Amino acid sequence: MKNEHIEKDSLGKNQHESGAKLDAGKNRVGLVLNDFANALLAVSEVGTGGAQKYTDRGWLDVPQGQDRYTDAMLRHHFAQAKGEDKDPDTKLSHTAHRAWNALAVLELEIRSQT
């Protein structure tokens, strides 16, 4: 069987050459984790607050989670659109709440496809 995906070094090195790393075309996760460090820390504050209010990872078991977290995301969107910067209950940014809810919806969507 022919290998259709041939791994290559992103700098053009031969795979047997010292210092070669077969990472060409691979997902560069550090671009998100490092470049969005402040935003991800703000989102993690929302997640920490949710875990304290409810349970660790309990959001994964919420019935109709995708719809309910979409609704929560939109509530934060509209509160911010009306001029409210921070959630009155958590005192955290509505933008961070929106991002957390968007990530929850995406995570549930991906998990439902596997």
PDB file of N, CA and C in Angstrom:
ATOM      1  N   MET A   1       0.839  -1.183   0.000  1.00  0.00           N
ATOM      2  CA  MET A   1       0.000   0.000   0.000  1.00  0.00           C
ATOM      3  C   MET A   1       0.884   1.246   0.000  1.00  0.00           C
ATOM      4  N   LYS A   2       0.588   2.167  -0.876  1.00  0.00           N
ATOM      5  CA  LYS A   2       1.374   3.376  -1.024  1.00  0.00           C
ATOM      6  C   LYS A   2       0.996   4.397   0.047  1.00  0.00           C
ATOM      7  N   ASN A   3       2.007   4.981   0.688  1.00  0.00           N
ATOM      8  CA  ASN A   3       1.775   6.016   1.689  1.00  0.00           C
ATOM      9  C   ASN A   3       1.452   7.317   0.963  1.00  0.00           C
ATOM     10  N   GLU A   4       0.199   7.817   1.109  1.00  0.00           N
ATOM     11  CA  GLU A   4      -0.220   9.020   0.398  1.00  0.00           C
ATOM     12  C   GLU A   4       0.252  10.284   1.092  1.00  0.00           C
ATOM     13  N   HIS A   5       0.545  10.210   2.378  1.00  0.00           N
ATOM     14  CA  HIS A   5       1.015  11.377   3.123  1.00  0.00           C
ATOM     15  C   HIS A   5       2.488  11.174   3.454  1.00  0.00           C
ATOM     16  N   ILE A   6       3.323  11.978   2.842  1.00  0.00           N
ATOM     17  CA  ILE A   6       4.755  11.884   3.096  1.00  0.00           C
ATOM     18  C   ILE A   6       5.137  13.038   4.011  1.00  0.00           C
ATOM     19  N   GLU A   7       5.663  12.696   5.180  1.00  0.00           N
ATOM     20  CA  GLU A   7       6.082  13.725   6.125  1.00  0.00           C
ATOM     21  C   GLU A   7       7.389  14.344   5.678  1.00  0.00           C
ATOM     22  N   LYS A   8       7.518  15.662   5.912  1.00  0.00           N
ATOM     23  CA  LYS A   8       8.716  16.388   5.518  1.00  0.00           C
ATOM     24  C   LYS A   8       9.121  17.333   6.634  1.00  0.00           C
ATOM     25  N   ASP A   9      10.383  17.685   6.633  1.00  0.00           N
ATOM     26  CA  ASP A   9      10.907  18.687   7.548  1.00  0.00           C
ATOM     27  C   ASP A   9      10.472  20.056   7.038  1.00  0.00           C
ATOM     28  N   SER A  10       9.968  20.915   7.932  1.00  0.00           N
ATOM     29  CA  SER A  10       9.473  22.223   7.502  1.00  0.00           C
ATOM     30  C   SER A  10      10.581  23.146   6.995  1.00  0.00           C
ATOM     31  N   LEU A  11      11.834  22.820   7.298  1.00  0.00           N
ATOM     32  CA  LEU A  11      12.961  23.619   6.811  1.00  0.00           C
ATOM     33  C   LEU A  11      13.690  22.952   5.654  1.00  0.00           C
ATOM     34  N   GLY A  12      13.150  21.839   5.153  1.00  0.00           N
ATOM     35  CA  GLY A  12      13.708  21.171   3.990  1.00  0.00           C
ATOM     36  C   GLY A  12      14.827  20.185   4.282  1.00  0.00           C
ATOM     37  N   LYS A  13      15.078  19.877   5.545  1.00  0.00           N
ATOM     38  CA  LYS A  13      16.142  18.923   5.885  1.00  0.00           C
ATOM     39  C   LYS A  13      15.711  17.504   5.506  1.00  0.00           C
ATOM     40  N   ASN A  14      16.690  16.694   5.163  1.00  0.00           N
ATOM     41  CA  ASN A  14      16.461  15.276   4.944  1.00  0.00           C
ATOM     42  C   ASN A  14      16.079  14.670   6.289  1.00  0.00           C
ATOM     43  N   GLN A  15      15.128  13.749   6.301  1.00  0.00           N
ATOM     44  CA  GLN A  15      14.658  13.201   7.570  1.00  0.00           C
ATOM     45  C   GLN A  15      15.745  12.485   8.359  1.00  0.00           C
ATOM     46  N   HIS A  16      16.814  12.064   7.698  1.00  0.00           N
ATOM     47  CA  HIS A  16      17.900  11.367   8.396  1.00  0.00           C
ATOM     48  C   HIS A  16      19.039  12.313   8.790  1.00  0.00           C
ATOM     49  N   GLU A  17      18.888  13.584   8.452  1.00  0.00           N
ATOM     50  CA  GLU A  17      19.896  14.590   8.798  1.00  0.00           C
ATOM     51  C   GLU A  17      19.690  15.035  10.249  1.00  0.00           C
ATOM     52  N   SER A  18      20.768  15.274  10.929  1.00  0.00           N
ATOM     53  CA  SER A  18      20.697  15.735  12.310  1.00  0.00           C
ATOM     54  C   SER A  18      19.879  17.016  12.404  1.00  0.00           C
ATOM     55  N   GLY A  19      18.991  17.056  13.344  1.00  0.00           N
ATOM     56  CA  GLY A  19      18.157  18.238  13.546  1.00  0.00           C
ATOM     57  C   GLY A  19      16.880  18.244  12.734  1.00  0.00           C
ATOM     58  N   ALA A  20      16.637  17.200  11.964  1.00  0.00           N
ATOM     59  CA  ALA A  20      15.411  17.137  11.170  1.00  0.00           C
ATOM     60  C   ALA A  20      14.215  16.888  12.081  1.00  0.00           C
ATOM     61  N   LYS A  21      13.097  17.455  11.686  1.00  0.00           N
ATOM     62  CA  LYS A  21      11.832  17.268  12.407  1.00  0.00           C
ATOM     63  C   LYS A  21      10.743  17.221  11.362  1.00  0.00           C
ATOM     64  N   LEU A  22      10.034  16.126  11.279  1.00  0.00           N
ATOM     65  CA  LEU A  22       9.008  15.947  10.245  1.00  0.00           C
ATOM     66  C   LEU A  22       7.710  16.633  10.673  1.00  0.00           C
ATOM     67  N   ASP A  23       7.720  17.955  10.584  1.00  0.00           N
ATOM     68  CA  ASP A  23       6.580  18.724  11.059  1.00  0.00           C
ATOM     69  C   ASP A  23       5.943  19.628  10.001  1.00  0.00           C
ATOM     70  N   ALA A  24       6.373  19.511   8.761  1.00  0.00           N
ATOM     71  CA  ALA A  24       5.821  20.352   7.695  1.00  0.00           C
ATOM     72  C   ALA A  24       4.331  20.092   7.540  1.00  0.00           C
ATOM     73  N   GLY A  25       3.558  21.160   7.542  1.00  0.00           N
ATOM     74  CA  GLY A  25       2.121  21.057   7.344  1.00  0.00           C
ATOM     75  C   GLY A  25       1.339  20.614   8.564  1.00  0.00           C
ATOM     76  N   LYS A  26       2.009  20.396   9.677  1.00  0.00           N
ATOM     77  CA  LYS A  26       1.305  19.961  10.892  1.00  0.00           C
ATOM     78  C   LYS A  26       0.753  21.164  11.638  1.00  0.00           C
ATOM     79  N   ASN A  27      -0.276  20.903  12.404  1.00  0.00           N
ATOM     80  CA  ASN A  27      -0.949  21.920  13.200  1.00  0.00           C
ATOM     81  C   ASN A  27       0.028  22.584  14.168  1.00  0.00           C
ATOM     82  N   ARG A  28       0.080  23.906  14.161  1.00  0.00           N
ATOM     83  CA  ARG A  28       0.994  24.664  15.018  1.00  0.00           C
ATOM     84  C   ARG A  28       0.219  25.198  16.223  1.00  0.00           C
ATOM     85  N   VAL A  29      -0.037  24.341  17.175  1.00  0.00           N
ATOM     86  CA  VAL A  29      -0.863  24.638  18.340  1.00  0.00           C
ATOM     87  C   VAL A  29      -0.315  25.812  19.148  1.00  0.00           C
ATOM     88  N   GLY A  30       0.980  25.952  19.196  1.00  0.00           N
ATOM     89  CA  GLY A  30       1.590  27.041  19.946  1.00  0.00           C
ATOM     90  C   GLY A  30       1.160  28.415  19.476  1.00  0.00           C
ATOM     91  N   LEU A  31       0.781  28.536  18.201  1.00  0.00           N
ATOM     92  CA  LEU A  31       0.316  29.825  17.695  1.00  0.00           C
ATOM     93  C   LEU A  31      -0.956  30.270  18.404  1.00  0.00           C
ATOM     94  N   VAL A  32      -1.783  29.335  18.807  1.00  0.00           N
ATOM     95  CA  VAL A  32      -3.001  29.674  19.539  1.00  0.00           C
ATOM     96  C   VAL A  32      -2.710  29.783  21.031  1.00  0.00           C
ATOM     97  N   LEU A  33      -2.074  28.771  21.580  1.00  0.00           N
ATOM     98  CA  LEU A  33      -1.852  28.760  23.026  1.00  0.00           C
ATOM     99  C   LEU A  33      -0.955  29.901  23.490  1.00  0.00           C
ATOM    100  N   ASN A  34       0.067  30.220  22.731  1.00  0.00           N
ATOM    101  CA  ASN A  34       0.980  31.289  23.129  1.00  0.00           C
ATOM    102  C   ASN A  34       0.500  32.671  22.699  1.00  0.00           C
ATOM    103  N   ASP A  35      -0.007  32.784  21.499  1.00  0.00           N
ATOM    104  CA  ASP A  35      -0.410  34.095  20.990  1.00  0.00           C
ATOM    105  C   ASP A  35      -1.686  34.626  21.638  1.00  0.00           C
ATOM    106  N   PHE A  36      -2.511  33.728  22.149  1.00  0.00           N
ATOM    107  CA  PHE A  36      -3.761  34.148  22.788  1.00  0.00           C
ATOM    108  C   PHE A  36      -3.733  33.869  24.291  1.00  0.00           C
ATOM    109  N   ALA A  37      -2.571  33.962  24.894  1.00  0.00           N
ATOM    110  CA  ALA A  37      -2.418  33.632  26.316  1.00  0.00           C
ATOM    111  C   ALA A  37      -3.343  34.464  27.202  1.00  0.00           C
ATOM    112  N   ASN A  38      -3.423  35.762  26.967  1.00  0.00           N
ATOM    113  CA  ASN A  38      -4.279  36.620  27.797  1.00  0.00           C
ATOM    114  C   ASN A  38      -5.753  36.266  27.633  1.00  0.00           C
ATOM    115  N   ALA A  39      -6.165  36.061  26.404  1.00  0.00           N
ATOM    116  CA  ALA A  39      -7.561  35.714  26.144  1.00  0.00           C
ATOM    117  C   ALA A  39      -7.911  34.357  26.749  1.00  0.00           C
ATOM    118  N   LEU A  40      -7.014  33.395  26.596  1.00  0.00           N
ATOM    119  CA  LEU A  40      -7.283  32.061  27.143  1.00  0.00           C
ATOM    120  C   LEU A  40      -7.297  32.070  28.664  1.00  0.00           C
ATOM    121  N   LEU A  41      -6.476  32.911  29.276  1.00  0.00           N
ATOM    122  CA  LEU A  41      -6.535  33.038  30.735  1.00  0.00           C
ATOM    123  C   LEU A  41      -7.864  33.642  31.166  1.00  0.00           C
ATOM    124  N   ALA A  42      -8.381  34.618  30.435  1.00  0.00           N
ATOM    125  CA  ALA A  42      -9.687  35.199  30.745  1.00  0.00           C
ATOM    126  C   ALA A  42     -10.795  34.160  30.603  1.00  0.00           C
ATOM    127  N   VAL A  43     -10.720  33.345  29.561  1.00  0.00           N
ATOM    128  CA  VAL A  43     -11.707  32.280  29.364  1.00  0.00           C
ATOM    129  C   VAL A  43     -11.580  31.240  30.478  1.00  0.00           C
ATOM    130  N   SER A  44     -10.346  30.961  30.904  1.00  0.00           N
ATOM    131  CA  SER A  44     -10.164  29.977  31.977  1.00  0.00           C
ATOM    132  C   SER A  44     -10.745  30.478  33.299  1.00  0.00           C
ATOM    133  N   GLU A  45     -10.778  31.798  33.503  1.00  0.00           N
ATOM    134  CA  GLU A  45     -11.436  32.347  34.695  1.00  0.00           C
ATOM    135  C   GLU A  45     -12.932  32.054  34.658  1.00  0.00           C
ATOM    136  N   VAL A  46     -13.525  32.154  33.487  1.00  0.00           N
ATOM    137  CA  VAL A  46     -14.944  31.816  33.333  1.00  0.00           C
ATOM    138  C   VAL A  46     -15.156  30.333  33.639  1.00  0.00           C
ATOM    139  N   GLY A  47     -14.297  29.479  33.091  1.00  0.00           N
ATOM    140  CA  GLY A  47     -14.404  28.044  33.340  1.00  0.00           C
ATOM    141  C   GLY A  47     -14.214  27.698  34.803  1.00  0.00           C
ATOM    142  N   THR A  48     -13.279  28.365  35.458  1.00  0.00           N
ATOM    143  CA  THR A  48     -13.040  28.129  36.884  1.00  0.00           C
ATOM    144  C   THR A  48     -14.260  28.542  37.700  1.00  0.00           C
ATOM    145  N   GLY A  49     -14.824  29.694  37.361  1.00  0.00           N
ATOM    146  CA  GLY A  49     -16.028  30.147  38.056  1.00  0.00           C
ATOM    147  C   GLY A  49     -17.188  29.195  37.862  1.00  0.00           C
ATOM    148  N   GLY A  50     -17.335  28.676  36.658  1.00  0.00           N
ATOM    149  CA  GLY A  50     -18.400  27.704  36.387  1.00  0.00           C
ATOM    150  C   GLY A  50     -18.203  26.419  37.167  1.00  0.00           C
ATOM    151  N   ALA A  51     -16.965  25.970  37.256  1.00  0.00           N
ATOM    152  CA  ALA A  51     -16.680  24.741  38.019  1.00  0.00           C
ATOM    153  C   ALA A  51     -16.968  24.949  39.500  1.00  0.00           C
ATOM    154  N   GLN A  52     -16.693  26.138  40.020  1.00  0.00           N
ATOM    155  CA  GLN A  52     -16.976  26.423  41.424  1.00  0.00           C
ATOM    156  C   GLN A  52     -18.476  26.528  41.681  1.00  0.00           C
ATOM    157  N   LYS A  53     -19.196  27.109  40.729  1.00  0.00           N
ATOM    158  CA  LYS A  53     -20.642  27.277  40.871  1.00  0.00           C
ATOM    159  C   LYS A  53     -21.381  25.948  40.715  1.00  0.00           C
ATOM    160  N   TYR A  54     -20.904  25.118  39.794  1.00  0.00           N
ATOM    161  CA  TYR A  54     -21.544  23.843  39.503  1.00  0.00           C
ATOM    162  C   TYR A  54     -20.613  22.697  39.893  1.00  0.00           C
ATOM    163  N   THR A  55     -20.024  22.047  38.903  1.00  0.00           N
ATOM    164  CA  THR A  55     -19.056  20.965  39.145  1.00  0.00           C
ATOM    165  C   THR A  55     -17.996  21.003  38.054  1.00  0.00           C
ATOM    166  N   ASP A  56     -16.841  20.416  38.338  1.00  0.00           N
ATOM    167  CA  ASP A  56     -15.815  20.283  37.314  1.00  0.00           C
ATOM    168  C   ASP A  56     -16.373  19.475  36.147  1.00  0.00           C
ATOM    169  N   ARG A  57     -16.269  20.025  34.965  1.00  0.00           N
ATOM    170  CA  ARG A  57     -16.657  19.360  33.722  1.00  0.00           C
ATOM    171  C   ARG A  57     -18.133  18.946  33.646  1.00  0.00           C
ATOM    172  N   GLY A  58     -18.948  19.457  34.539  1.00  0.00           N
ATOM    173  CA  GLY A  58     -20.376  19.135  34.513  1.00  0.00           C
ATOM    174  C   GLY A  58     -21.071  19.648  33.265  1.00  0.00           C
ATOM    175  N   TRP A  59     -20.508  20.676  32.651  1.00  0.00           N
ATOM    176  CA  TRP A  59     -21.103  21.247  31.450  1.00  0.00           C
ATOM    177  C   TRP A  59     -21.188  20.239  30.313  1.00  0.00           C
ATOM    178  N   LEU A  60     -20.313  19.233  30.356  1.00  0.00           N
ATOM    179  CA  LEU A  60     -20.319  18.214  29.305  1.00  0.00           C
ATOM    180  C   LEU A  60     -21.590  17.369  29.313  1.00  0.00           C
ATOM    181  N   ASP A  61     -22.264  17.323  30.458  1.00  0.00           N
ATOM    182  CA  ASP A  61     -23.452  16.480  30.605  1.00  0.00           C
ATOM    183  C   ASP A  61     -24.766  17.255  30.556  1.00  0.00           C
ATOM    184  N   VAL A  62     -24.714  18.546  30.269  1.00  0.00           N
ATOM    185  CA  VAL A  62     -25.932  19.355  30.207  1.00  0.00           C
ATOM    186  C   VAL A  62     -26.758  18.919  29.001  1.00  0.00           C
ATOM    187  N   PRO A  63     -28.017  18.518  29.223  1.00  0.00           N
ATOM    188  CA  PRO A  63     -28.867  18.123  28.098  1.00  0.00           C
ATOM    189  C   PRO A  63     -29.040  19.280  27.112  1.00  0.00           C
ATOM    190  N   GLN A  64     -29.025  18.973  25.840  1.00  0.00           N
ATOM    191  CA  GLN A  64     -29.142  19.955  24.759  1.00  0.00           C
ATOM    192  C   GLN A  64     -28.092  21.063  24.922  1.00  0.00           C
ATOM    193  N   GLY A  65     -26.891  20.646  25.285  1.00  0.00           N
ATOM    194  CA  GLY A  65     -25.819  21.579  25.592  1.00  0.00           C
ATOM    195  C   GLY A  65     -25.503  22.554  24.474  1.00  0.00           C
ATOM    196  N   GLN A  66     -25.454  22.079  23.244  1.00  0.00           N
ATOM    197  CA  GLN A  66     -25.104  22.984  22.144  1.00  0.00           C
ATOM    198  C   GLN A  66     -26.095  24.137  22.046  1.00  0.00           C
ATOM    199  N   ASP A  67     -27.372  23.826  22.136  1.00  0.00           N
ATOM    200  CA  ASP A  67     -28.392  24.880  22.062  1.00  0.00           C
ATOM    201  C   ASP A  67     -28.328  25.799  23.279  1.00  0.00           C
ATOM    202  N   ARG A  68     -28.158  25.231  24.441  1.00  0.00           N
ATOM    203  CA  ARG A  68     -28.178  26.027  25.664  1.00  0.00           C
ATOM    204  C   ARG A  68     -26.945  26.914  25.795  1.00  0.00           C
ATOM    205  N   TYR A  69     -25.777  26.407  25.362  1.00  0.00           N
ATOM    206  CA  TYR A  69     -24.577  27.237  25.412  1.00  0.00           C
ATOM    207  C   TYR A  69     -24.570  28.275  24.302  1.00  0.00           C
ATOM    208  N   THR A  70     -25.221  27.981  23.179  1.00  0.00           N
ATOM    209  CA  THR A  70     -25.410  28.996  22.141  1.00  0.00           C
ATOM    210  C   THR A  70     -26.271  30.127  22.685  1.00  0.00           C
ATOM    211  N   ASP A  71     -27.359  29.766  23.368  1.00  0.00           N
ATOM    212  CA  ASP A  71     -28.221  30.791  23.964  1.00  0.00           C
ATOM    213  C   ASP A  71     -27.458  31.625  24.993  1.00  0.00           C
ATOM    214  N   ALA A  72     -26.648  30.981  25.828  1.00  0.00           N
ATOM    215  CA  ALA A  72     -25.864  31.707  26.825  1.00  0.00           C
ATOM    216  C   ALA A  72     -24.876  32.654  26.141  1.00  0.00           C
ATOM    217  N   MET A  73     -24.242  32.178  25.078  1.00  0.00           N
ATOM    218  CA  MET A  73     -23.301  33.010  24.331  1.00  0.00           C
ATOM    219  C   MET A  73     -24.014  34.251  23.792  1.00  0.00           C
ATOM    220  N   LEU A  74     -25.207  34.057  23.259  1.00  0.00           N
ATOM    221  CA  LEU A  74     -25.959  35.184  22.696  1.00  0.00           C
ATOM    222  C   LEU A  74     -26.450  36.143  23.777  1.00  0.00           C
ATOM    223  N   ARG A  75     -26.807  35.623  24.945  1.00  0.00           N
ATOM    224  CA  ARG A  75     -27.190  36.515  26.041  1.00  0.00           C
ATOM    225  C   ARG A  75     -26.033  37.429  26.421  1.00  0.00           C
ATOM    226  N   HIS A  76     -24.821  36.867  26.486  1.00  0.00           N
ATOM    227  CA  HIS A  76     -23.647  37.694  26.786  1.00  0.00           C
ATOM    228  C   HIS A  76     -23.380  38.684  25.656  1.00  0.00           C
ATOM    229  N   HIS A  77     -23.592  38.254  24.438  1.00  0.00           N
ATOM    230  CA  HIS A  77     -23.408  39.142  23.286  1.00  0.00           C
ATOM    231  C   HIS A  77     -24.342  40.346  23.394  1.00  0.00           C
ATOM    232  N   PHE A  78     -25.615  40.089  23.644  1.00  0.00           N
ATOM    233  CA  PHE A  78     -26.584  41.186  23.687  1.00  0.00           C
ATOM    234  C   PHE A  78     -26.387  42.080  24.903  1.00  0.00           C
ATOM    235  N   ALA A  79     -25.985  41.505  26.027  1.00  0.00           N
ATOM    236  CA  ALA A  79     -25.699  42.331  27.202  1.00  0.00           C
ATOM    237  C   ALA A  79     -24.556  43.292  26.897  1.00  0.00           C
ATOM    238  N   GLN A  80     -23.551  42.789  26.215  1.00  0.00           N
ATOM    239  CA  GLN A  80     -22.419  43.643  25.848  1.00  0.00           C
ATOM    240  C   GLN A  80     -22.844  44.671  24.798  1.00  0.00           C
ATOM    241  N   ALA A  81     -23.669  44.244  23.849  1.00  0.00           N
ATOM    242  CA  ALA A  81     -24.141  45.167  22.807  1.00  0.00           C
ATOM    243  C   ALA A  81     -24.950  46.310  23.405  1.00  0.00           C
ATOM    244  N   LYS A  82     -25.595  46.069  24.540  1.00  0.00           N
ATOM    245  CA  LYS A  82     -26.367  47.110  25.230  1.00  0.00           C
ATOM    246  C   LYS A  82     -25.477  47.987  26.116  1.00  0.00           C
ATOM    247  N   GLY A  83     -24.159  47.710  26.121  1.00  0.00           N
ATOM    248  CA  GLY A  83     -23.240  48.569  26.848  1.00  0.00           C
ATOM    249  C   GLY A  83     -22.702  48.013  28.154  1.00  0.00           C
ATOM    250  N   GLU A  84     -23.038  46.807  28.478  1.00  0.00           N
ATOM    251  CA  GLU A  84     -22.568  46.204  29.728  1.00  0.00           C
ATOM    252  C   GLU A  84     -21.268  45.447  29.452  1.00  0.00           C
ATOM    253  N   ASP A  85     -20.172  45.863  30.065  1.00  0.00           N
ATOM    254  CA  ASP A  85     -18.872  45.239  29.799  1.00  0.00           C
ATOM    255  C   ASP A  85     -18.664  43.939  30.566  1.00  0.00           C
ATOM    256  N   LYS A  86     -19.143  43.907  31.798  1.00  0.00           N
ATOM    257  CA  LYS A  86     -18.886  42.740  32.659  1.00  0.00           C
ATOM    258  C   LYS A  86     -20.195  42.098  33.091  1.00  0.00           C
ATOM    259  N   ASP A  87     -20.154  40.804  33.228  1.00  0.00           N
ATOM    260  CA  ASP A  87     -21.299  40.055  33.733  1.00  0.00           C
ATOM    261  C   ASP A  87     -21.538  40.475  35.186  1.00  0.00           C
ATOM    262  N   PRO A  88     -22.767  40.847  35.545  1.00  0.00           N
ATOM    263  CA  PRO A  88     -23.007  41.325  36.904  1.00  0.00           C
ATOM    264  C   PRO A  88     -22.818  40.252  37.979  1.00  0.00           C
ATOM    265  N   ASP A  89     -22.995  38.994  37.638  1.00  0.00           N
ATOM    266  CA  ASP A  89     -22.835  37.919  38.626  1.00  0.00           C
ATOM    267  C   ASP A  89     -21.373  37.564  38.855  1.00  0.00           C
ATOM    268  N   THR A  90     -20.624  37.410  37.775  1.00  0.00           N
ATOM    269  CA  THR A  90     -19.238  36.932  37.898  1.00  0.00           C
ATOM    270  C   THR A  90     -18.218  38.063  37.941  1.00  0.00           C
ATOM    271  N   LYS A  91     -18.624  39.250  37.485  1.00  0.00           N
ATOM    272  CA  LYS A  91     -17.719  40.404  37.352  1.00  0.00           C
ATOM    273  C   LYS A  91     -16.634  40.164  36.304  1.00  0.00           C
ATOM    274  N   LEU A  92     -16.846  39.178  35.437  1.00  0.00           N
ATOM    275  CA  LEU A  92     -15.904  38.857  34.368  1.00  0.00           C
ATOM    276  C   LEU A  92     -16.441  39.397  33.045  1.00  0.00           C
ATOM    277  N   SER A  93     -15.537  39.592  32.121  1.00  0.00           N
ATOM    278  CA  SER A  93     -15.863  40.137  30.811  1.00  0.00           C
ATOM    279  C   SER A  93     -16.930  39.314  30.082  1.00  0.00           C
ATOM    280  N   HIS A  94     -17.894  40.018  29.498  1.00  0.00           N
ATOM    281  CA  HIS A  94     -18.878  39.327  28.656  1.00  0.00           C
ATOM    282  C   HIS A  94     -18.184  38.667  27.463  1.00  0.00           C
ATOM    283  N   THR A  95     -17.128  39.286  26.969  1.00  0.00           N
ATOM    284  CA  THR A  95     -16.392  38.702  25.842  1.00  0.00           C
ATOM    285  C   THR A  95     -15.793  37.363  26.238  1.00  0.00           C
ATOM    286  N   ALA A  96     -15.240  37.273  27.436  1.00  0.00           N
ATOM    287  CA  ALA A  96     -14.678  36.000  27.914  1.00  0.00           C
ATOM    288  C   ALA A  96     -15.781  34.957  28.075  1.00  0.00           C
ATOM    289  N   HIS A  97     -16.944  35.369  28.562  1.00  0.00           N
ATOM    290  CA  HIS A  97     -18.079  34.443  28.671  1.00  0.00           C
ATOM    291  C   HIS A  97     -18.524  33.970  27.288  1.00  0.00           C
ATOM    292  N   ARG A  98     -18.576  34.896  26.340  1.00  0.00           N
ATOM    293  CA  ARG A  98     -18.959  34.518  24.975  1.00  0.00           C
ATOM    294  C   ARG A  98     -17.975  33.510  24.404  1.00  0.00           C
ATOM    295  N   ALA A  99     -16.682  33.759  24.620  1.00  0.00           N
ATOM    296  CA  ALA A  99     -15.657  32.849  24.104  1.00  0.00           C
ATOM    297  C   ALA A  99     -15.773  31.477  24.760  1.00  0.00           C
ATOM    298  N   TRP A 100     -16.003  31.433  26.077  1.00  0.00           N
ATOM    299  CA  TRP A 100     -16.135  30.148  26.758  1.00  0.00           C
ATOM    300  C   TRP A 100     -17.317  29.374  26.178  1.00  0.00           C
ATOM    301  N   ASN A 101     -18.445  30.059  26.010  1.00  0.00           N
ATOM    302  CA  ASN A 101     -19.623  29.393  25.466  1.00  0.00           C
ATOM    303  C   ASN A 101     -19.408  28.932  24.033  1.00  0.00           C
ATOM    304  N   ALA A 102     -18.710  29.733  23.234  1.00  0.00           N
ATOM    305  CA  ALA A 102     -18.402  29.328  21.852  1.00  0.00           C
ATOM    306  C   ALA A 102     -17.524  28.082  21.854  1.00  0.00           C
ATOM    307  N   LEU A 103     -16.539  28.037  22.754  1.00  0.00           N
ATOM    308  CA  LEU A 103     -15.689  26.847  22.856  1.00  0.00           C
ATOM    309  C   LEU A 103     -16.486  25.632  23.309  1.00  0.00           C
ATOM    310  N   ALA A 104     -17.416  25.830  24.226  1.00  0.00           N
ATOM    311  CA  ALA A 104     -18.255  24.716  24.697  1.00  0.00           C
ATOM    312  C   ALA A 104     -19.094  24.165  23.545  1.00  0.00           C
ATOM    313  N   VAL A 105     -19.691  25.060  22.769  1.00  0.00           N
ATOM    314  CA  VAL A 105     -20.497  24.622  21.614  1.00  0.00           C
ATOM    315  C   VAL A 105     -19.627  23.861  20.625  1.00  0.00           C
ATOM    316  N   LEU A 106     -18.458  24.394  20.324  1.00  0.00           N
ATOM    317  CA  LEU A 106     -17.552  23.730  19.382  1.00  0.00           C
ATOM    318  C   LEU A 106     -17.107  22.370  19.909  1.00  0.00           C
ATOM    319  N   GLU A 107     -16.738  22.304  21.177  1.00  0.00           N
ATOM    320  CA  GLU A 107     -16.299  21.032  21.764  1.00  0.00           C
ATOM    321  C   GLU A 107     -17.403  19.988  21.702  1.00  0.00           C
ATOM    322  N   LEU A 108     -18.619  20.375  22.056  1.00  0.00           N
ATOM    323  CA  LEU A 108     -19.739  19.433  22.009  1.00  0.00           C
ATOM    324  C   LEU A 108     -20.029  18.992  20.574  1.00  0.00           C
ATOM    325  N   GLU A 109     -19.911  19.924  19.636  1.00  0.00           N
ATOM    326  CA  GLU A 109     -20.106  19.576  18.222  1.00  0.00           C
ATOM    327  C   GLU A 109     -19.074  18.543  17.767  1.00  0.00           C
ATOM    328  N   ILE A 110     -17.821  18.793  18.083  1.00  0.00           N
ATOM    329  CA  ILE A 110     -16.749  17.863  17.677  1.00  0.00           C
ATOM    330  C   ILE A 110     -16.943  16.508  18.333  1.00  0.00           C
ATOM    331  N   ARG A 111     -17.256  16.505  19.616  1.00  0.00           N
ATOM    332  CA  ARG A 111     -17.447  15.224  20.316  1.00  0.00           C
ATOM    333  C   ARG A 111     -18.631  14.453  19.755  1.00  0.00           C
ATOM    334  N   SER A 112     -19.645  15.141  19.296  1.00  0.00           N
ATOM    335  CA  SER A 112     -20.830  14.450  18.746  1.00  0.00           C
ATOM    336  C   SER A 112     -20.531  13.817  17.389  1.00  0.00           C
ATOM    337  N   GLN A 113     -19.480  14.268  16.725  1.00  0.00           N
ATOM    338  CA  GLN A 113     -19.124  13.751  15.406  1.00  0.00           C
ATOM    339  C   GLN A 113     -18.187  12.558  15.467  1.00  0.00           C
ATOM    340  N   THR A 114     -17.650  12.272  16.641  1.00  0.00           N
ATOM    341  CA  THR A 114     -16.708  11.161  16.737  1.00  0.00           C
ATOM    342  C   THR A 114     -17.363   9.917  17.278  1.00  0.00           C
TER     343      THR A 114
END
